[in-house]
Amino acid sequence: MLFETWLTYAIAAFVIIIIPGPTILLVITQSMTYGIKAAIPLVLGVFFGDLIAMLGSMFGLGLLIATSAMLFSIVKFVGALYLIYLGFSLWRAPVGKMGQSTEAIINKVSPWQLGRRSFLVTVLNPKGIIFFLAFLPQFVNPELAMAPQLLILGSTFLVLAVVNAGAYAVMAVRMSQLFQNSSTNRRFNRIGGTALIGAGLITAATQRV
């Protein structure tokens, strides 16, 4: 693969990745609620979710979802309902006492639960699988071996996705540290919960491309 081709792909992927979607919205709200200890499992969930979506597109699942209205709708509505469920859960999430760090309540949610949340939101977005199916092949040279090219392109995307999710998580934690009282924390929870519910409703209304 030519370096110029890879660089063009990396820049295009970065521009697409940096725009917040349902996954990043989840990472932000969960990081603000549960603190810096939530960042690693959330980012790992994003990594494995994107990995499964990428592998699914390479093995034809993306094409199947893109051509099957029923399958697309099933995946879409399951993902949307999960986002709405997480939004209501965040509305009801416990908050710390006045002056207490939000990290103090991290033990009430396990790293496994946090990672599972970001994984499911990522992998249940049918647009992600279709995106990989439509985006990656544009940078593949059919005259060269395909597997090494897909490995390079896929690895690049995953690295950028992990760095982006991690940056958003750290930013969210630092923002939350500016406000350490129960009233403000509760307000953050409700704003974040509303945003997740809204993302779920938007996902449910999304049409196939």
N, C-alpha and C. Protein backbone atom coordinates (compact mmCIF):
# COMPACT_ATOMS: atom_id res chain seq x y z
N MET A 1 0.84 -1.19 0.00
CA MET A 1 0.00 0.00 0.00
C MET A 1 0.87 1.24 0.00
N LEU A 2 0.56 2.18 -0.89
CA LEU A 2 1.31 3.43 -0.94
C LEU A 2 1.06 4.25 0.33
N PHE A 3 2.10 4.94 0.78
CA PHE A 3 1.97 5.78 1.98
C PHE A 3 0.93 6.87 1.77
N GLU A 4 0.87 7.42 0.55
CA GLU A 4 -0.09 8.48 0.27
C GLU A 4 -1.53 7.97 0.41
N THR A 5 -1.75 6.73 -0.01
CA THR A 5 -3.09 6.14 0.11
C THR A 5 -3.45 5.95 1.57
N TRP A 6 -2.49 5.42 2.34
CA TRP A 6 -2.74 5.21 3.76
C TRP A 6 -2.99 6.53 4.47
N LEU A 7 -2.20 7.57 4.16
CA LEU A 7 -2.35 8.86 4.82
C LEU A 7 -3.71 9.47 4.51
N THR A 8 -4.14 9.38 3.25
CA THR A 8 -5.45 9.90 2.88
C THR A 8 -6.56 9.18 3.65
N TYR A 9 -6.42 7.87 3.73
CA TYR A 9 -7.39 7.07 4.48
C TYR A 9 -7.40 7.45 5.95
N ALA A 10 -6.22 7.60 6.55
CA ALA A 10 -6.12 7.93 7.98
C ALA A 10 -6.77 9.28 8.27
N ILE A 11 -6.54 10.25 7.41
CA ILE A 11 -7.13 11.58 7.61
C ILE A 11 -8.65 11.50 7.48
N ALA A 12 -9.14 10.80 6.46
CA ALA A 12 -10.58 10.68 6.26
C ALA A 12 -11.23 9.93 7.43
N ALA A 13 -10.59 8.85 7.88
CA ALA A 13 -11.12 8.09 9.01
C ALA A 13 -11.15 8.93 10.28
N PHE A 14 -10.10 9.73 10.50
CA PHE A 14 -10.03 10.57 11.69
C PHE A 14 -11.16 11.59 11.70
N VAL A 15 -11.42 12.20 10.54
CA VAL A 15 -12.49 13.20 10.45
C VAL A 15 -13.84 12.55 10.77
N ILE A 16 -14.05 11.33 10.27
CA ILE A 16 -15.31 10.62 10.52
C ILE A 16 -15.42 10.21 11.98
N ILE A 17 -14.32 9.69 12.54
CA ILE A 17 -14.34 9.17 13.91
C ILE A 17 -14.53 10.27 14.94
N ILE A 18 -13.92 11.43 14.71
CA ILE A 18 -13.92 12.48 15.74
C ILE A 18 -15.30 13.09 15.93
N ILE A 19 -16.20 12.92 14.94
CA ILE A 19 -17.57 13.45 15.08
C ILE A 19 -18.33 12.57 16.07
N PRO A 20 -18.80 13.13 17.18
CA PRO A 20 -19.46 12.29 18.21
C PRO A 20 -20.73 11.64 17.70
N GLY A 21 -20.86 10.34 17.98
CA GLY A 21 -22.07 9.60 17.68
C GLY A 21 -22.59 8.97 18.97
N PRO A 22 -23.49 8.01 18.88
CA PRO A 22 -24.04 7.37 20.09
C PRO A 22 -22.97 6.76 20.98
N THR A 23 -21.95 6.13 20.38
CA THR A 23 -20.89 5.49 21.18
C THR A 23 -20.13 6.52 22.00
N ILE A 24 -19.69 7.59 21.35
CA ILE A 24 -18.92 8.62 22.06
C ILE A 24 -19.80 9.33 23.09
N LEU A 25 -21.06 9.52 22.76
CA LEU A 25 -21.98 10.13 23.73
C LEU A 25 -22.07 9.26 24.98
N LEU A 26 -22.11 7.95 24.78
CA LEU A 26 -22.13 7.03 25.93
C LEU A 26 -20.84 7.13 26.72
N VAL A 27 -19.70 7.16 26.03
CA VAL A 27 -18.40 7.26 26.71
C VAL A 27 -18.33 8.53 27.55
N ILE A 28 -18.82 9.63 27.01
CA ILE A 28 -18.78 10.90 27.73
C ILE A 28 -19.66 10.85 28.98
N THR A 29 -20.90 10.39 28.83
CA THR A 29 -21.81 10.40 29.97
C THR A 29 -21.36 9.42 31.06
N GLN A 30 -20.89 8.24 30.65
CA GLN A 30 -20.45 7.27 31.65
C GLN A 30 -19.17 7.71 32.34
N SER A 31 -18.27 8.35 31.61
CA SER A 31 -17.02 8.85 32.21
C SER A 31 -17.30 9.97 33.19
N MET A 32 -18.25 10.83 32.85
CA MET A 32 -18.58 11.93 33.76
C MET A 32 -19.26 11.40 35.02
N THR A 33 -20.00 10.30 34.87
CA THR A 33 -20.73 9.75 36.02
C THR A 33 -19.84 8.92 36.91
N TYR A 34 -18.96 8.09 36.31
CA TYR A 34 -18.21 7.10 37.09
C TYR A 34 -16.72 7.39 37.20
N GLY A 35 -16.22 8.44 36.56
CA GLY A 35 -14.85 8.84 36.77
C GLY A 35 -13.84 8.15 35.88
N ILE A 36 -12.57 8.43 36.15
CA ILE A 36 -11.48 7.99 35.29
C ILE A 36 -11.36 6.46 35.26
N LYS A 37 -11.79 5.78 36.31
CA LYS A 37 -11.70 4.32 36.33
C LYS A 37 -12.61 3.68 35.30
N ALA A 38 -13.57 4.43 34.81
CA ALA A 38 -14.48 3.90 33.80
C ALA A 38 -13.89 3.98 32.40
N ALA A 39 -12.85 4.79 32.22
CA ALA A 39 -12.34 5.06 30.87
C ALA A 39 -11.83 3.79 30.18
N ILE A 40 -11.02 3.01 30.88
CA ILE A 40 -10.41 1.83 30.25
C ILE A 40 -11.46 0.82 29.79
N PRO A 41 -12.38 0.37 30.65
CA PRO A 41 -13.39 -0.58 30.15
C PRO A 41 -14.27 0.00 29.05
N LEU A 42 -14.58 1.28 29.12
CA LEU A 42 -15.40 1.90 28.06
C LEU A 42 -14.66 1.89 26.73
N VAL A 43 -13.38 2.25 26.76
CA VAL A 43 -12.58 2.28 25.53
C VAL A 43 -12.38 0.87 24.99
N LEU A 44 -12.17 -0.10 25.87
CA LEU A 44 -12.04 -1.49 25.42
C LEU A 44 -13.33 -1.97 24.76
N GLY A 45 -14.46 -1.55 25.31
CA GLY A 45 -15.74 -1.90 24.70
C GLY A 45 -15.87 -1.34 23.30
N VAL A 46 -15.42 -0.09 23.12
CA VAL A 46 -15.44 0.54 21.80
C VAL A 46 -14.54 -0.24 20.84
N PHE A 47 -13.36 -0.62 21.32
CA PHE A 47 -12.40 -1.35 20.48
C PHE A 47 -13.00 -2.66 19.98
N PHE A 48 -13.53 -3.46 20.90
CA PHE A 48 -14.06 -4.76 20.50
C PHE A 48 -15.35 -4.63 19.68
N GLY A 49 -16.14 -3.59 19.97
CA GLY A 49 -17.34 -3.35 19.18
C GLY A 49 -16.99 -3.01 17.74
N ASP A 50 -16.02 -2.12 17.55
CA ASP A 50 -15.58 -1.77 16.20
C ASP A 50 -14.92 -2.96 15.51
N LEU A 51 -14.18 -3.75 16.28
CA LEU A 51 -13.52 -4.92 15.71
C LEU A 51 -14.54 -5.92 15.17
N ILE A 52 -15.58 -6.20 15.96
CA ILE A 52 -16.61 -7.13 15.52
C ILE A 52 -17.36 -6.57 14.31
N ALA A 53 -17.67 -5.27 14.34
CA ALA A 53 -18.36 -4.64 13.21
C ALA A 53 -17.51 -4.72 11.95
N MET A 54 -16.21 -4.51 12.10
CA MET A 54 -15.31 -4.56 10.96
C MET A 54 -15.22 -5.98 10.39
N LEU A 55 -15.05 -6.95 11.28
CA LEU A 55 -14.97 -8.34 10.82
C LEU A 55 -16.29 -8.77 10.19
N GLY A 56 -17.40 -8.31 10.79
CA GLY A 56 -18.71 -8.64 10.23
C GLY A 56 -18.88 -8.11 8.82
N SER A 57 -18.41 -6.89 8.58
CA SER A 57 -18.52 -6.32 7.24
C SER A 57 -17.64 -7.06 6.25
N MET A 58 -16.44 -7.48 6.72
CA MET A 58 -15.52 -8.20 5.82
C MET A 58 -16.07 -9.56 5.44
N PHE A 59 -16.87 -10.16 6.33
CA PHE A 59 -17.42 -11.49 6.05
C PHE A 59 -18.84 -11.43 5.48
N GLY A 60 -19.26 -10.23 5.08
CA GLY A 60 -20.51 -10.12 4.35
C GLY A 60 -21.72 -9.71 5.15
N LEU A 61 -21.57 -9.55 6.48
CA LEU A 61 -22.73 -9.16 7.28
C LEU A 61 -23.21 -7.76 6.90
N GLY A 62 -22.26 -6.88 6.60
CA GLY A 62 -22.62 -5.52 6.20
C GLY A 62 -23.46 -5.51 4.94
N LEU A 63 -23.09 -6.34 3.97
CA LEU A 63 -23.86 -6.42 2.73
C LEU A 63 -25.25 -6.96 3.00
N LEU A 64 -25.34 -7.95 3.91
CA LEU A 64 -26.64 -8.53 4.24
C LEU A 64 -27.54 -7.50 4.91
N ILE A 65 -26.98 -6.74 5.85
CA ILE A 65 -27.77 -5.72 6.54
C ILE A 65 -28.18 -4.61 5.57
N ALA A 66 -27.27 -4.27 4.67
CA ALA A 66 -27.56 -3.19 3.73
C ALA A 66 -28.66 -3.57 2.75
N THR A 67 -28.80 -4.86 2.45
CA THR A 67 -29.78 -5.29 1.46
C THR A 67 -31.05 -5.86 2.09
N SER A 68 -31.02 -6.16 3.38
CA SER A 68 -32.18 -6.73 4.05
C SER A 68 -32.82 -5.69 4.96
N ALA A 69 -33.99 -5.21 4.58
CA ALA A 69 -34.68 -4.20 5.38
C ALA A 69 -35.04 -4.75 6.75
N MET A 70 -35.45 -6.02 6.80
CA MET A 70 -35.86 -6.60 8.07
C MET A 70 -34.68 -6.72 9.04
N LEU A 71 -33.55 -7.25 8.55
CA LEU A 71 -32.38 -7.42 9.41
C LEU A 71 -31.85 -6.08 9.88
N PHE A 72 -31.82 -5.11 8.96
CA PHE A 72 -31.37 -3.76 9.34
C PHE A 72 -32.26 -3.19 10.44
N SER A 73 -33.58 -3.36 10.29
CA SER A 73 -34.51 -2.82 11.27
C SER A 73 -34.36 -3.50 12.63
N ILE A 74 -34.14 -4.82 12.62
CA ILE A 74 -33.98 -5.54 13.88
C ILE A 74 -32.76 -5.03 14.64
N VAL A 75 -31.62 -4.98 13.95
CA VAL A 75 -30.40 -4.51 14.60
C VAL A 75 -30.55 -3.07 15.06
N LYS A 76 -31.19 -2.24 14.21
CA LYS A 76 -31.37 -0.83 14.53
C LYS A 76 -32.22 -0.64 15.78
N PHE A 77 -33.33 -1.34 15.85
CA PHE A 77 -34.24 -1.14 16.98
C PHE A 77 -33.69 -1.74 18.27
N VAL A 78 -32.96 -2.83 18.18
CA VAL A 78 -32.31 -3.37 19.38
C VAL A 78 -31.30 -2.37 19.92
N GLY A 79 -30.50 -1.79 19.03
CA GLY A 79 -29.53 -0.78 19.45
C GLY A 79 -30.20 0.46 20.01
N ALA A 80 -31.29 0.89 19.38
CA ALA A 80 -32.00 2.07 19.85
C ALA A 80 -32.60 1.84 21.23
N LEU A 81 -33.24 0.68 21.42
CA LEU A 81 -33.83 0.37 22.72
C LEU A 81 -32.77 0.30 23.81
N TYR A 82 -31.60 -0.22 23.46
CA TYR A 82 -30.53 -0.29 24.46
C TYR A 82 -30.05 1.10 24.85
N LEU A 83 -29.93 2.00 23.89
CA LEU A 83 -29.55 3.38 24.20
C LEU A 83 -30.59 4.04 25.10
N ILE A 84 -31.86 3.84 24.80
CA ILE A 84 -32.93 4.41 25.62
C ILE A 84 -32.90 3.84 27.03
N TYR A 85 -32.66 2.54 27.13
CA TYR A 85 -32.54 1.90 28.45
C TYR A 85 -31.39 2.51 29.25
N LEU A 86 -30.24 2.71 28.60
CA LEU A 86 -29.10 3.31 29.29
C LEU A 86 -29.41 4.75 29.70
N GLY A 87 -30.16 5.46 28.86
CA GLY A 87 -30.53 6.83 29.19
C GLY A 87 -31.38 6.90 30.44
N PHE A 88 -32.39 6.03 30.54
CA PHE A 88 -33.22 6.01 31.74
C PHE A 88 -32.42 5.55 32.96
N SER A 89 -31.48 4.61 32.75
CA SER A 89 -30.64 4.15 33.86
C SER A 89 -29.77 5.29 34.39
N LEU A 90 -29.25 6.12 33.47
CA LEU A 90 -28.42 7.24 33.89
C LEU A 90 -29.25 8.27 34.65
N TRP A 91 -30.49 8.46 34.25
CA TRP A 91 -31.39 9.37 34.97
C TRP A 91 -31.52 8.96 36.43
N ARG A 92 -31.53 7.65 36.65
CA ARG A 92 -31.74 7.12 38.00
C ARG A 92 -30.43 6.77 38.71
N ALA A 93 -29.30 7.05 38.08
CA ALA A 93 -28.02 6.68 38.67
C ALA A 93 -27.79 7.43 39.98
N PRO A 94 -27.15 6.79 40.98
CA PRO A 94 -26.86 7.46 42.25
C PRO A 94 -25.83 8.55 42.08
N VAL A 95 -25.89 9.55 42.91
CA VAL A 95 -24.91 10.63 42.88
C VAL A 95 -24.25 10.72 44.24
N GLY A 96 -23.04 11.28 44.23
CA GLY A 96 -22.31 11.40 45.49
C GLY A 96 -22.87 12.50 46.38
N LYS A 97 -22.45 12.49 47.61
CA LYS A 97 -22.84 13.56 48.53
C LYS A 97 -22.14 14.85 48.15
N MET A 98 -22.54 15.92 48.77
CA MET A 98 -21.96 17.23 48.49
C MET A 98 -20.45 17.18 48.64
N GLY A 99 -19.74 17.51 47.52
CA GLY A 99 -18.30 17.53 47.56
C GLY A 99 -17.66 16.17 47.34
N GLN A 100 -18.44 15.15 47.14
CA GLN A 100 -17.89 13.80 46.95
C GLN A 100 -17.62 13.58 45.48
N SER A 101 -16.46 12.98 45.16
CA SER A 101 -16.11 12.70 43.78
C SER A 101 -17.04 11.65 43.21
N THR A 102 -17.35 11.78 41.92
CA THR A 102 -18.16 10.76 41.27
C THR A 102 -17.44 9.42 41.23
N GLU A 103 -16.09 9.42 41.37
CA GLU A 103 -15.36 8.16 41.37
C GLU A 103 -15.71 7.32 42.59
N ALA A 104 -16.29 7.94 43.60
CA ALA A 104 -16.61 7.20 44.82
C ALA A 104 -17.72 6.18 44.60
N ILE A 105 -18.49 6.33 43.51
CA ILE A 105 -19.58 5.38 43.27
C ILE A 105 -19.24 4.40 42.16
N ILE A 106 -17.96 4.36 41.71
CA ILE A 106 -17.58 3.48 40.63
C ILE A 106 -17.79 2.02 40.99
N ASN A 107 -17.63 1.68 42.28
CA ASN A 107 -17.77 0.28 42.67
C ASN A 107 -19.19 -0.24 42.52
N LYS A 108 -20.16 0.67 42.35
CA LYS A 108 -21.54 0.23 42.17
C LYS A 108 -21.79 -0.29 40.76
N VAL A 109 -20.87 0.00 39.84
CA VAL A 109 -20.94 -0.51 38.48
C VAL A 109 -19.59 -1.13 38.15
N SER A 110 -19.57 -2.40 37.76
CA SER A 110 -18.32 -3.10 37.52
C SER A 110 -17.72 -2.69 36.17
N PRO A 111 -16.39 -2.83 36.02
CA PRO A 111 -15.75 -2.56 34.73
C PRO A 111 -16.37 -3.39 33.61
N TRP A 112 -16.75 -4.62 33.93
CA TRP A 112 -17.38 -5.48 32.93
C TRP A 112 -18.68 -4.86 32.42
N GLN A 113 -19.48 -4.30 33.31
CA GLN A 113 -20.74 -3.68 32.91
C GLN A 113 -20.49 -2.47 32.02
N LEU A 114 -19.49 -1.67 32.37
CA LEU A 114 -19.18 -0.49 31.57
C LEU A 114 -18.69 -0.87 30.19
N GLY A 115 -17.77 -1.85 30.14
CA GLY A 115 -17.27 -2.30 28.85
C GLY A 115 -18.36 -2.91 27.99
N ARG A 116 -19.25 -3.66 28.63
CA ARG A 116 -20.36 -4.28 27.90
C ARG A 116 -21.27 -3.21 27.30
N ARG A 117 -21.49 -2.13 28.04
CA ARG A 117 -22.36 -1.06 27.54
C ARG A 117 -21.80 -0.45 26.26
N SER A 118 -20.52 -0.05 26.30
CA SER A 118 -19.94 0.59 25.12
C SER A 118 -19.80 -0.40 23.97
N PHE A 119 -19.55 -1.67 24.28
CA PHE A 119 -19.45 -2.69 23.25
C PHE A 119 -20.79 -2.86 22.53
N LEU A 120 -21.86 -2.99 23.30
CA LEU A 120 -23.17 -3.23 22.70
C LEU A 120 -23.64 -2.03 21.89
N VAL A 121 -23.42 -0.82 22.41
CA VAL A 121 -23.85 0.38 21.67
C VAL A 121 -23.08 0.46 20.35
N THR A 122 -21.80 0.10 20.37
CA THR A 122 -20.98 0.16 19.16
C THR A 122 -21.38 -0.92 18.16
N VAL A 123 -21.50 -2.14 18.63
CA VAL A 123 -21.72 -3.26 17.72
C VAL A 123 -23.17 -3.33 17.23
N LEU A 124 -24.11 -2.74 17.98
CA LEU A 124 -25.52 -2.77 17.57
C LEU A 124 -25.91 -1.59 16.69
N ASN A 125 -24.92 -0.85 16.22
CA ASN A 125 -25.18 0.24 15.28
C ASN A 125 -24.98 -0.29 13.86
N PRO A 126 -26.04 -0.61 13.14
CA PRO A 126 -25.88 -1.19 11.79
C PRO A 126 -25.15 -0.27 10.83
N LYS A 127 -25.22 1.04 11.10
CA LYS A 127 -24.50 1.99 10.25
C LYS A 127 -23.00 1.73 10.30
N GLY A 128 -22.51 1.25 11.47
CA GLY A 128 -21.08 0.99 11.60
C GLY A 128 -20.63 -0.12 10.67
N ILE A 129 -21.39 -1.20 10.63
CA ILE A 129 -21.02 -2.32 9.76
C ILE A 129 -21.10 -1.92 8.30
N ILE A 130 -22.16 -1.20 7.94
CA ILE A 130 -22.31 -0.75 6.55
C ILE A 130 -21.20 0.25 6.20
N PHE A 131 -20.80 1.07 7.18
CA PHE A 131 -19.72 2.03 6.96
C PHE A 131 -18.43 1.31 6.56
N PHE A 132 -18.08 0.27 7.31
CA PHE A 132 -16.86 -0.46 6.99
C PHE A 132 -16.95 -1.09 5.61
N LEU A 133 -18.11 -1.59 5.26
CA LEU A 133 -18.30 -2.23 3.96
C LEU A 133 -18.12 -1.23 2.83
N ALA A 134 -18.58 0.01 3.03
CA ALA A 134 -18.54 1.02 1.98
C ALA A 134 -17.24 1.82 1.96
N PHE A 135 -16.62 1.99 3.15
CA PHE A 135 -15.50 2.91 3.28
C PHE A 135 -14.15 2.26 2.98
N LEU A 136 -13.88 1.13 3.61
CA LEU A 136 -12.57 0.51 3.47
C LEU A 136 -12.22 0.13 2.02
N PRO A 137 -13.16 -0.49 1.27
CA PRO A 137 -12.78 -0.92 -0.09
C PRO A 137 -12.32 0.20 -1.00
N GLN A 138 -12.70 1.44 -0.71
CA GLN A 138 -12.29 2.56 -1.55
C GLN A 138 -10.78 2.77 -1.54
N PHE A 139 -10.11 2.25 -0.52
CA PHE A 139 -8.68 2.46 -0.38
C PHE A 139 -7.88 1.18 -0.63
N VAL A 140 -8.56 0.15 -1.14
CA VAL A 140 -7.90 -1.12 -1.42
C VAL A 140 -7.53 -1.18 -2.90
N ASN A 141 -6.27 -1.50 -3.16
CA ASN A 141 -5.80 -1.67 -4.53
C ASN A 141 -6.06 -3.11 -4.97
N PRO A 142 -6.96 -3.33 -5.94
CA PRO A 142 -7.29 -4.70 -6.34
C PRO A 142 -6.13 -5.45 -6.97
N GLU A 143 -5.07 -4.73 -7.37
CA GLU A 143 -3.93 -5.39 -8.00
C GLU A 143 -2.94 -5.93 -6.97
N LEU A 144 -3.15 -5.60 -5.69
CA LEU A 144 -2.27 -6.07 -4.63
C LEU A 144 -3.02 -7.06 -3.74
N ALA A 145 -2.28 -7.76 -2.92
CA ALA A 145 -2.90 -8.71 -1.99
C ALA A 145 -3.88 -7.96 -1.08
N MET A 146 -5.10 -8.48 -0.96
CA MET A 146 -6.14 -7.76 -0.23
C MET A 146 -5.97 -7.86 1.28
N ALA A 147 -5.63 -9.05 1.80
CA ALA A 147 -5.57 -9.26 3.25
C ALA A 147 -4.63 -8.29 3.96
N PRO A 148 -3.39 -8.10 3.47
CA PRO A 148 -2.50 -7.14 4.16
C PRO A 148 -3.05 -5.71 4.15
N GLN A 149 -3.69 -5.33 3.05
CA GLN A 149 -4.25 -3.98 2.97
C GLN A 149 -5.38 -3.81 3.97
N LEU A 150 -6.27 -4.79 4.04
CA LEU A 150 -7.38 -4.70 4.99
C LEU A 150 -6.87 -4.70 6.43
N LEU A 151 -5.80 -5.44 6.68
CA LEU A 151 -5.21 -5.46 8.02
C LEU A 151 -4.67 -4.09 8.40
N ILE A 152 -3.98 -3.45 7.46
CA ILE A 152 -3.43 -2.11 7.72
C ILE A 152 -4.55 -1.10 7.93
N LEU A 153 -5.53 -1.12 7.03
CA LEU A 153 -6.63 -0.15 7.13
C LEU A 153 -7.47 -0.38 8.38
N GLY A 154 -7.76 -1.64 8.66
CA GLY A 154 -8.56 -1.96 9.85
C GLY A 154 -7.84 -1.59 11.13
N SER A 155 -6.55 -1.90 11.21
CA SER A 155 -5.76 -1.57 12.41
C SER A 155 -5.69 -0.07 12.61
N THR A 156 -5.52 0.66 11.52
CA THR A 156 -5.45 2.12 11.61
C THR A 156 -6.75 2.68 12.17
N PHE A 157 -7.87 2.17 11.67
CA PHE A 157 -9.17 2.65 12.15
C PHE A 157 -9.34 2.35 13.63
N LEU A 158 -8.99 1.15 14.04
CA LEU A 158 -9.16 0.77 15.45
C LEU A 158 -8.30 1.63 16.36
N VAL A 159 -7.06 1.89 15.96
CA VAL A 159 -6.18 2.74 16.77
C VAL A 159 -6.77 4.14 16.91
N LEU A 160 -7.23 4.70 15.80
CA LEU A 160 -7.82 6.04 15.83
C LEU A 160 -9.09 6.05 16.69
N ALA A 161 -9.90 4.99 16.59
CA ALA A 161 -11.13 4.93 17.38
C ALA A 161 -10.83 4.85 18.87
N VAL A 162 -9.81 4.07 19.25
CA VAL A 162 -9.44 3.94 20.65
C VAL A 162 -8.89 5.26 21.19
N VAL A 163 -8.02 5.89 20.43
CA VAL A 163 -7.44 7.18 20.86
C VAL A 163 -8.54 8.23 21.00
N ASN A 164 -9.46 8.25 20.05
CA ASN A 164 -10.56 9.22 20.10
C ASN A 164 -11.46 9.00 21.30
N ALA A 165 -11.85 7.74 21.54
CA ALA A 165 -12.70 7.43 22.69
C ALA A 165 -11.99 7.75 24.00
N GLY A 166 -10.71 7.42 24.07
CA GLY A 166 -9.94 7.73 25.28
C GLY A 166 -9.84 9.22 25.54
N ALA A 167 -9.64 10.00 24.47
CA ALA A 167 -9.54 11.45 24.62
C ALA A 167 -10.85 12.04 25.11
N TYR A 168 -11.96 11.57 24.56
CA TYR A 168 -13.27 12.05 25.01
C TYR A 168 -13.53 11.66 26.47
N ALA A 169 -13.10 10.45 26.85
CA ALA A 169 -13.31 10.00 28.23
C ALA A 169 -12.53 10.87 29.21
N VAL A 170 -11.27 11.14 28.90
CA VAL A 170 -10.44 11.98 29.77
C VAL A 170 -11.02 13.38 29.86
N MET A 171 -11.43 13.93 28.72
CA MET A 171 -12.03 15.26 28.70
C MET A 171 -13.28 15.31 29.57
N ALA A 172 -14.10 14.27 29.47
CA ALA A 172 -15.33 14.24 30.26
C ALA A 172 -15.03 14.16 31.74
N VAL A 173 -14.03 13.37 32.12
CA VAL A 173 -13.66 13.25 33.53
C VAL A 173 -13.16 14.59 34.07
N ARG A 174 -12.35 15.26 33.31
CA ARG A 174 -11.83 16.56 33.76
C ARG A 174 -12.94 17.59 33.89
N MET A 175 -13.91 17.53 33.00
CA MET A 175 -15.05 18.44 33.11
C MET A 175 -15.85 18.14 34.38
N SER A 176 -16.04 16.85 34.66
CA SER A 176 -16.84 16.48 35.83
C SER A 176 -16.16 16.87 37.13
N GLN A 177 -14.82 16.91 37.12
CA GLN A 177 -14.09 17.26 38.33
C GLN A 177 -14.26 18.72 38.72
N LEU A 178 -14.75 19.52 37.78
CA LEU A 178 -15.00 20.93 38.09
C LEU A 178 -16.26 21.12 38.92
N PHE A 179 -17.10 20.11 38.90
CA PHE A 179 -18.38 20.21 39.61
C PHE A 179 -18.54 18.99 40.50
N GLN A 180 -18.33 19.18 41.78
CA GLN A 180 -18.34 18.04 42.71
C GLN A 180 -19.39 18.22 43.80
N ASN A 181 -20.62 18.42 43.40
CA ASN A 181 -21.70 18.43 44.39
C ASN A 181 -22.86 17.63 43.83
N SER A 182 -23.70 17.15 44.71
CA SER A 182 -24.76 16.22 44.31
C SER A 182 -25.76 16.84 43.36
N SER A 183 -26.05 18.13 43.54
CA SER A 183 -27.02 18.79 42.67
C SER A 183 -26.51 18.85 41.24
N THR A 184 -25.25 19.24 41.08
CA THR A 184 -24.67 19.33 39.75
C THR A 184 -24.52 17.95 39.13
N ASN A 185 -24.09 16.97 39.92
CA ASN A 185 -23.95 15.61 39.41
C ASN A 185 -25.29 15.07 38.92
N ARG A 186 -26.34 15.33 39.67
CA ARG A 186 -27.66 14.86 39.27
C ARG A 186 -28.07 15.54 37.96
N ARG A 187 -27.74 16.81 37.84
CA ARG A 187 -28.08 17.54 36.61
C ARG A 187 -27.33 16.94 35.41
N PHE A 188 -26.02 16.61 35.62
CA PHE A 188 -25.26 15.97 34.56
C PHE A 188 -25.89 14.64 34.16
N ASN A 189 -26.30 13.87 35.16
CA ASN A 189 -26.93 12.58 34.89
C ASN A 189 -28.18 12.74 34.03
N ARG A 190 -28.98 13.74 34.36
CA ARG A 190 -30.23 13.91 33.63
C ARG A 190 -29.99 14.46 32.22
N ILE A 191 -29.02 15.35 32.09
CA ILE A 191 -28.68 15.84 30.75
C ILE A 191 -28.13 14.69 29.91
N GLY A 192 -27.21 13.93 30.49
CA GLY A 192 -26.64 12.80 29.76
C GLY A 192 -27.67 11.74 29.44
N GLY A 193 -28.56 11.46 30.41
CA GLY A 193 -29.61 10.48 30.17
C GLY A 193 -30.54 10.92 29.05
N THR A 194 -30.90 12.20 29.07
CA THR A 194 -31.75 12.73 28.01
C THR A 194 -31.06 12.62 26.65
N ALA A 195 -29.75 12.91 26.63
CA ALA A 195 -29.00 12.82 25.38
C ALA A 195 -28.97 11.39 24.85
N LEU A 196 -28.79 10.41 25.75
CA LEU A 196 -28.78 9.01 25.32
C LEU A 196 -30.14 8.58 24.80
N ILE A 197 -31.20 9.01 25.49
CA ILE A 197 -32.55 8.69 25.03
C ILE A 197 -32.79 9.32 23.65
N GLY A 198 -32.34 10.56 23.48
CA GLY A 198 -32.47 11.21 22.19
C GLY A 198 -31.69 10.48 21.10
N ALA A 199 -30.48 10.00 21.44
CA ALA A 199 -29.68 9.24 20.47
C ALA A 199 -30.39 7.95 20.09
N GLY A 200 -31.04 7.33 21.08
CA GLY A 200 -31.80 6.11 20.79
C GLY A 200 -32.95 6.38 19.84
N LEU A 201 -33.66 7.48 20.07
CA LEU A 201 -34.79 7.83 19.20
C LEU A 201 -34.32 8.17 17.79
N ILE A 202 -33.18 8.87 17.70
CA ILE A 202 -32.63 9.19 16.38
C ILE A 202 -32.20 7.92 15.66
N THR A 203 -31.57 7.00 16.42
CA THR A 203 -31.16 5.72 15.83
C THR A 203 -32.37 4.96 15.31
N ALA A 204 -33.45 4.96 16.08
CA ALA A 204 -34.66 4.25 15.67
C ALA A 204 -35.25 4.84 14.39
N ALA A 205 -35.05 6.16 14.19
CA ALA A 205 -35.62 6.82 13.01
C ALA A 205 -34.69 6.77 11.80
N THR A 206 -33.48 6.24 12.01
CA THR A 206 -32.49 6.21 10.93
C THR A 206 -32.94 5.28 9.81
N GLN A 207 -32.79 5.75 8.58
CA GLN A 207 -33.13 4.94 7.42
C GLN A 207 -31.86 4.33 6.82
N ARG A 208 -32.03 3.28 6.04
CA ARG A 208 -30.89 2.66 5.39
C ARG A 208 -30.30 3.61 4.37
N VAL A 209 -28.96 3.46 4.18
CA VAL A 209 -28.30 4.28 3.16
C VAL A 209 -28.23 3.49 1.86
